[in-house]
Amino acid sequence: MKKSFLSGLLGLSLVAALAVSASAQSQAPTNDLENAVVKALFSLPHYGVFDNLFFEANGSDVTLMGQAVLEITKAEAAKRVARIKGIGAVTNSIEVLPPSPSDDALRMSLYRAIFGAADLHRYSMGADPTIHIIVKGGHVTLVGMVSSEADRQRAEMVSKSLPGIFSFTNALRLAQ
């Protein structure tokens, strides 16, 4: 059985709030092995709002995917998942985003604009904000979950108002 899980979801309730399949249909992790992978990814010390980690499980084999700002996040994710009892092969396909002062500045501007908006501030709460901001070469993608279409549109509106964005993708999903 093949499943993929996106990050950027409610860190306070990993099992209840997680998971988007490749076909964009929400699913929760279905077994203890998948729950353990989710827990390992969300407990990474350098995992944050500017990273997007997800995985695909095929039996006991796991493929890690997404984007990370730091190389250590990629390395530690593979190491922690490989240590989970019952895990077979681990393929680490996490992309480390290239260092860029302009991308760093854009990340901070987006963070302030999105989470500084009174109606979106609640998405920054908790150990894992439910909106993740991915910036690569000025190209911006928002991933994660919001509770309403109005919040999804508001996050897009405040993001697009900033200078320096070459392209914008709103991949925010509505919580079930």
C-alpha atoms as a PDB file:
ATOM      1  CA  MET A   1       0.000   0.000   0.000  1.00  0.00           C
ATOM      2  CA  LYS A   2       1.489   3.331  -1.105  1.00  0.00           C
ATOM      3  CA  LYS A   3       0.743   6.578   0.747  1.00  0.00           C
ATOM      4  CA  SER A   4       2.341   9.976   0.982  1.00  0.00           C
ATOM      5  CA  PHE A   5       2.092  12.448   3.815  1.00  0.00           C
ATOM      6  CA  LEU A   6       2.619  16.221   3.749  1.00  0.00           C
ATOM      7  CA  SER A   7       4.025  18.281   6.526  1.00  0.00           C
ATOM      8  CA  GLY A   8       2.795  21.583   7.669  1.00  0.00           C
ATOM      9  CA  LEU A   9      -0.151  20.212   9.538  1.00  0.00           C
ATOM     10  CA  LEU A  10      -1.262  20.494  13.130  1.00  0.00           C
ATOM     11  CA  GLY A  11       1.796  19.640  15.192  1.00  0.00           C
ATOM     12  CA  LEU A  12      -0.253  19.264  18.329  1.00  0.00           C
ATOM     13  CA  SER A  13      -2.283  16.392  16.933  1.00  0.00           C
ATOM     14  CA  LEU A  14      -0.051  14.573  14.488  1.00  0.00           C
ATOM     15  CA  VAL A  15      -2.306  11.624  13.826  1.00  0.00           C
ATOM     16  CA  ALA A  16      -5.577  13.499  13.560  1.00  0.00           C
ATOM     17  CA  ALA A  17      -4.391  16.383  11.421  1.00  0.00           C
ATOM     18  CA  LEU A  18      -1.886  14.768   9.077  1.00  0.00           C
ATOM     19  CA  ALA A  19      -1.723  13.390   5.660  1.00  0.00           C
ATOM     20  CA  VAL A  20      -2.504  14.228   2.135  1.00  0.00           C
ATOM     21  CA  SER A  21      -2.198  11.541  -0.472  1.00  0.00           C
ATOM     22  CA  ALA A  22      -0.583  12.205  -3.829  1.00  0.00           C
ATOM     23  CA  SER A  23      -4.053  12.607  -5.307  1.00  0.00           C
ATOM     24  CA  ALA A  24      -4.722  15.417  -2.788  1.00  0.00           C
ATOM     25  CA  GLN A  25      -7.246  13.399  -0.783  1.00  0.00           C
ATOM     26  CA  SER A  26      -6.713  13.653   2.974  1.00  0.00           C
ATOM     27  CA  GLN A  27      -5.934  10.463   4.857  1.00  0.00           C
ATOM     28  CA  ALA A  28      -4.597   9.817   8.331  1.00  0.00           C
ATOM     29  CA  PRO A  29      -1.616   7.540   8.902  1.00  0.00           C
ATOM     30  CA  THR A  30      -2.975   4.021   8.889  1.00  0.00           C
ATOM     31  CA  ASN A  31      -0.519   2.071  10.984  1.00  0.00           C
ATOM     32  CA  ASP A  32       2.006   2.312  13.787  1.00  0.00           C
ATOM     33  CA  LEU A  33       4.933   2.424  11.368  1.00  0.00           C
ATOM     34  CA  GLU A  34       3.535   5.461   9.552  1.00  0.00           C
ATOM     35  CA  ASN A  35       2.714   7.136  12.869  1.00  0.00           C
ATOM     36  CA  ALA A  36       6.315   6.567  13.995  1.00  0.00           C
ATOM     37  CA  VAL A  37       7.652   8.171  10.787  1.00  0.00           C
ATOM     38  CA  VAL A  38       5.381  11.185  11.276  1.00  0.00           C
ATOM     39  CA  LYS A  39       6.553  11.545  14.873  1.00  0.00           C
ATOM     40  CA  ALA A  40      10.217  11.246  13.826  1.00  0.00           C
ATOM     41  CA  LEU A  41       9.843  13.957  11.169  1.00  0.00           C
ATOM     42  CA  PHE A  42       7.965  16.380  13.410  1.00  0.00           C
ATOM     43  CA  SER A  43      10.483  15.958  16.227  1.00  0.00           C
ATOM     44  CA  LEU A  44      13.490  16.995  14.129  1.00  0.00           C
ATOM     45  CA  PRO A  45      15.266  19.800  15.999  1.00  0.00           C
ATOM     46  CA  HIS A  46      15.828  21.952  12.896  1.00  0.00           C
ATOM     47  CA  TYR A  47      12.452  21.296  11.228  1.00  0.00           C
ATOM     48  CA  GLY A  48      10.469  24.485  10.928  1.00  0.00           C
ATOM     49  CA  VAL A  49       8.100  26.735   9.099  1.00  0.00           C
ATOM     50  CA  PHE A  50      10.452  27.058   6.078  1.00  0.00           C
ATOM     51  CA  ASP A  51      10.685  23.277   5.550  1.00  0.00           C
ATOM     52  CA  ASN A  52       8.238  20.893   3.906  1.00  0.00           C
ATOM     53  CA  LEU A  53       8.795  17.236   4.698  1.00  0.00           C
ATOM     54  CA  PHE A  54       6.612  14.346   3.632  1.00  0.00           C
ATOM     55  CA  PHE A  55       7.054  10.687   2.918  1.00  0.00           C
ATOM     56  CA  GLU A  56       5.756   7.812   0.916  1.00  0.00           C
ATOM     57  CA  ALA A  57       5.452   4.411   2.558  1.00  0.00           C
ATOM     58  CA  ASN A  58       5.411   1.237   0.521  1.00  0.00           C
ATOM     59  CA  GLY A  59       5.192  -1.585   3.016  1.00  0.00           C
ATOM     60  CA  SER A  60       8.153  -1.119   5.345  1.00  0.00           C
ATOM     61  CA  ASP A  61      10.129   0.939   2.818  1.00  0.00           C
ATOM     62  CA  VAL A  62       9.994   4.715   3.151  1.00  0.00           C
ATOM     63  CA  THR A  63      10.894   7.485   0.706  1.00  0.00           C
ATOM     64  CA  LEU A  64      11.476  10.886   2.296  1.00  0.00           C
ATOM     65  CA  MET A  65      10.639  13.894   0.125  1.00  0.00           C
ATOM     66  CA  GLY A  66      10.136  17.622   0.309  1.00  0.00           C
ATOM     67  CA  GLN A  67      12.358  20.617   0.883  1.00  0.00           C
ATOM     68  CA  ALA A  68      14.599  21.652   3.766  1.00  0.00           C
ATOM     69  CA  VAL A  69      16.539  24.837   4.348  1.00  0.00           C
ATOM     70  CA  LEU A  70      19.369  23.024   6.161  1.00  0.00           C
ATOM     71  CA  GLU A  71      21.375  19.969   5.128  1.00  0.00           C
ATOM     72  CA  ILE A  72      21.247  18.731   8.731  1.00  0.00           C
ATOM     73  CA  THR A  73      17.450  18.468   8.507  1.00  0.00           C
ATOM     74  CA  LYS A  74      17.752  16.148   5.515  1.00  0.00           C
ATOM     75  CA  ALA A  75      20.455  14.017   7.126  1.00  0.00           C
ATOM     76  CA  GLU A  76      18.769  13.802  10.515  1.00  0.00           C
ATOM     77  CA  ALA A  77      15.404  12.897   8.966  1.00  0.00           C
ATOM     78  CA  ALA A  78      16.910   9.872   7.226  1.00  0.00           C
ATOM     79  CA  LYS A  79      18.854   8.856  10.321  1.00  0.00           C
ATOM     80  CA  ARG A  80      15.826   9.032  12.622  1.00  0.00           C
ATOM     81  CA  VAL A  81      13.489   7.226  10.243  1.00  0.00           C
ATOM     82  CA  ALA A  82      16.059   4.466   9.626  1.00  0.00           C
ATOM     83  CA  ARG A  83      16.196   3.836  13.407  1.00  0.00           C
ATOM     84  CA  ILE A  84      12.471   3.082  13.639  1.00  0.00           C
ATOM     85  CA  LYS A  85      11.862  -0.568  14.391  1.00  0.00           C
ATOM     86  CA  GLY A  86      10.261  -2.285  11.404  1.00  0.00           C
ATOM     87  CA  ILE A  87      11.502   0.173   8.776  1.00  0.00           C
ATOM     88  CA  GLY A  88      13.102  -1.434   5.728  1.00  0.00           C
ATOM     89  CA  ALA A  89      14.881   0.714   3.171  1.00  0.00           C
ATOM     90  CA  VAL A  90      14.937   4.500   3.531  1.00  0.00           C
ATOM     91  CA  THR A  91      15.383   6.594   0.396  1.00  0.00           C
ATOM     92  CA  ASN A  92      16.198  10.209   1.164  1.00  0.00           C
ATOM     93  CA  SER A  93      14.956  12.434  -1.677  1.00  0.00           C
ATOM     94  CA  ILE A  94      14.631  15.595   0.415  1.00  0.00           C
ATOM     95  CA  GLU A  95      15.855  18.616  -1.540  1.00  0.00           C
ATOM     96  CA  VAL A  96      18.120  20.993   0.356  1.00  0.00           C
ATOM     97  CA  LEU A  97      17.230  24.501  -0.771  1.00  0.00           C
ATOM     98  CA  PRO A  98      20.220  26.487  -2.046  1.00  0.00           C
ATOM     99  CA  PRO A  99      21.551  29.203   0.266  1.00  0.00           C
ATOM    100  CA  SER A 100      20.368  32.619  -0.839  1.00  0.00           C
ATOM    101  CA  PRO A 101      20.282  35.891   1.095  1.00  0.00           C
ATOM    102  CA  SER A 102      17.418  37.135  -1.098  1.00  0.00           C
ATOM    103  CA  ASP A 103      15.395  33.952  -0.427  1.00  0.00           C
ATOM    104  CA  ASP A 104      16.112  34.308   3.305  1.00  0.00           C
ATOM    105  CA  ALA A 105      14.874  37.899   3.232  1.00  0.00           C
ATOM    106  CA  LEU A 106      11.766  36.851   1.301  1.00  0.00           C
ATOM    107  CA  ARG A 107      11.092  34.036   3.801  1.00  0.00           C
ATOM    108  CA  MET A 108      11.177  36.511   6.686  1.00  0.00           C
ATOM    109  CA  SER A 109       8.956  39.003   4.834  1.00  0.00           C
ATOM    110  CA  LEU A 110       6.441  36.255   4.095  1.00  0.00           C
ATOM    111  CA  TYR A 111       6.539  35.039   7.684  1.00  0.00           C
ATOM    112  CA  ARG A 112       5.856  38.527   9.021  1.00  0.00           C
ATOM    113  CA  ALA A 113       3.111  39.213   6.459  1.00  0.00           C
ATOM    114  CA  ILE A 114       1.266  35.920   6.908  1.00  0.00           C
ATOM    115  CA  PHE A 115       1.572  35.402  10.650  1.00  0.00           C
ATOM    116  CA  GLY A 116       1.385  39.125  11.378  1.00  0.00           C
ATOM    117  CA  ALA A 117      -2.107  39.266   9.904  1.00  0.00           C
ATOM    118  CA  ALA A 118      -4.545  39.190  12.825  1.00  0.00           C
ATOM    119  CA  ASP A 119      -6.787  36.630  11.156  1.00  0.00           C
ATOM    120  CA  LEU A 120      -3.859  34.285  10.314  1.00  0.00           C
ATOM    121  CA  HIS A 121      -1.792  34.606  13.487  1.00  0.00           C
ATOM    122  CA  ARG A 122      -3.324  31.459  15.003  1.00  0.00           C
ATOM    123  CA  TYR A 123      -1.634  29.325  12.320  1.00  0.00           C
ATOM    124  CA  SER A 124       1.784  30.196  13.793  1.00  0.00           C
ATOM    125  CA  MET A 125       0.930  28.710  17.196  1.00  0.00           C
ATOM    126  CA  GLY A 126       2.328  25.440  18.491  1.00  0.00           C
ATOM    127  CA  ALA A 127       5.476  23.504  17.844  1.00  0.00           C
ATOM    128  CA  ASP A 128       4.724  23.122  14.134  1.00  0.00           C
ATOM    129  CA  PRO A 129       2.931  26.001  12.406  1.00  0.00           C
ATOM    130  CA  THR A 130       0.236  24.696  10.086  1.00  0.00           C
ATOM    131  CA  ILE A 131       1.334  26.952   7.236  1.00  0.00           C
ATOM    132  CA  HIS A 132       4.793  26.276   5.812  1.00  0.00           C
ATOM    133  CA  ILE A 133       6.589  28.753   3.545  1.00  0.00           C
ATOM    134  CA  ILE A 134       8.871  27.296   0.863  1.00  0.00           C
ATOM    135  CA  VAL A 135      11.054  29.713  -1.112  1.00  0.00           C
ATOM    136  CA  LYS A 136      13.465  28.654  -3.848  1.00  0.00           C
ATOM    137  CA  GLY A 137      14.979  31.259  -6.131  1.00  0.00           C
ATOM    138  CA  GLY A 138      12.156  33.699  -5.481  1.00  0.00           C
ATOM    139  CA  HIS A 139       9.501  31.079  -6.245  1.00  0.00           C
ATOM    140  CA  VAL A 140       7.102  30.725  -3.313  1.00  0.00           C
ATOM    141  CA  THR A 141       4.885  27.811  -2.302  1.00  0.00           C
ATOM    142  CA  LEU A 142       2.623  27.740   0.732  1.00  0.00           C
ATOM    143  CA  VAL A 143       1.838  24.246   2.032  1.00  0.00           C
ATOM    144  CA  GLY A 144      -0.111  22.946   4.990  1.00  0.00           C
ATOM    145  CA  MET A 145      -3.613  23.305   6.328  1.00  0.00           C
ATOM    146  CA  VAL A 146      -5.989  26.127   7.127  1.00  0.00           C
ATOM    147  CA  SER A 147      -9.496  25.954   8.547  1.00  0.00           C
ATOM    148  CA  SER A 148     -11.346  27.919   5.855  1.00  0.00           C
ATOM    149  CA  GLU A 149     -11.235  28.993   2.228  1.00  0.00           C
ATOM    150  CA  ALA A 150     -11.200  32.611   3.435  1.00  0.00           C
ATOM    151  CA  ASP A 151      -7.969  31.933   5.366  1.00  0.00           C
ATOM    152  CA  ARG A 152      -6.465  30.199   2.324  1.00  0.00           C
ATOM    153  CA  GLN A 153      -7.277  33.223   0.145  1.00  0.00           C
ATOM    154  CA  ARG A 154      -6.089  35.680   2.812  1.00  0.00           C
ATOM    155  CA  ALA A 155      -2.691  33.913   3.064  1.00  0.00           C
ATOM    156  CA  GLU A 156      -2.372  34.137  -0.711  1.00  0.00           C
ATOM    157  CA  MET A 157      -3.383  37.787  -0.806  1.00  0.00           C
ATOM    158  CA  VAL A 158      -0.900  38.934   1.846  1.00  0.00           C
ATOM    159  CA  SER A 159       1.859  36.847   0.250  1.00  0.00           C
ATOM    160  CA  LYS A 160       1.320  38.137  -3.272  1.00  0.00           C
ATOM    161  CA  SER A 161       1.431  41.729  -2.035  1.00  0.00           C
ATOM    162  CA  LEU A 162       5.162  41.398  -1.284  1.00  0.00           C
ATOM    163  CA  PRO A 163       7.875  42.408  -3.762  1.00  0.00           C
ATOM    164  CA  GLY A 164      10.486  39.917  -4.976  1.00  0.00           C
ATOM    165  CA  ILE A 165       8.201  36.958  -5.686  1.00  0.00           C
ATOM    166  CA  PHE A 166       8.754  35.487  -9.164  1.00  0.00           C
ATOM    167  CA  SER A 167       5.969  32.899  -8.915  1.00  0.00           C
ATOM    168  CA  PHE A 168       3.476  31.876  -6.269  1.00  0.00           C
ATOM    169  CA  THR A 169       1.742  28.547  -5.614  1.00  0.00           C
ATOM    170  CA  ASN A 170      -0.940  28.197  -2.988  1.00  0.00           C
ATOM    171  CA  ALA A 171      -0.951  24.516  -1.985  1.00  0.00           C
ATOM    172  CA  LEU A 172      -2.766  25.129   1.303  1.00  0.00           C
ATOM    173  CA  ARG A 173      -5.502  22.620   1.971  1.00  0.00           C
ATOM    174  CA  LEU A 174      -8.640  22.906   4.046  1.00  0.00           C
ATOM    175  CA  ALA A 175      -8.705  20.955   7.309  1.00  0.00           C
ATOM    176  CA  GLN A 176     -11.411  18.344   7.427  1.00  0.00           C
END
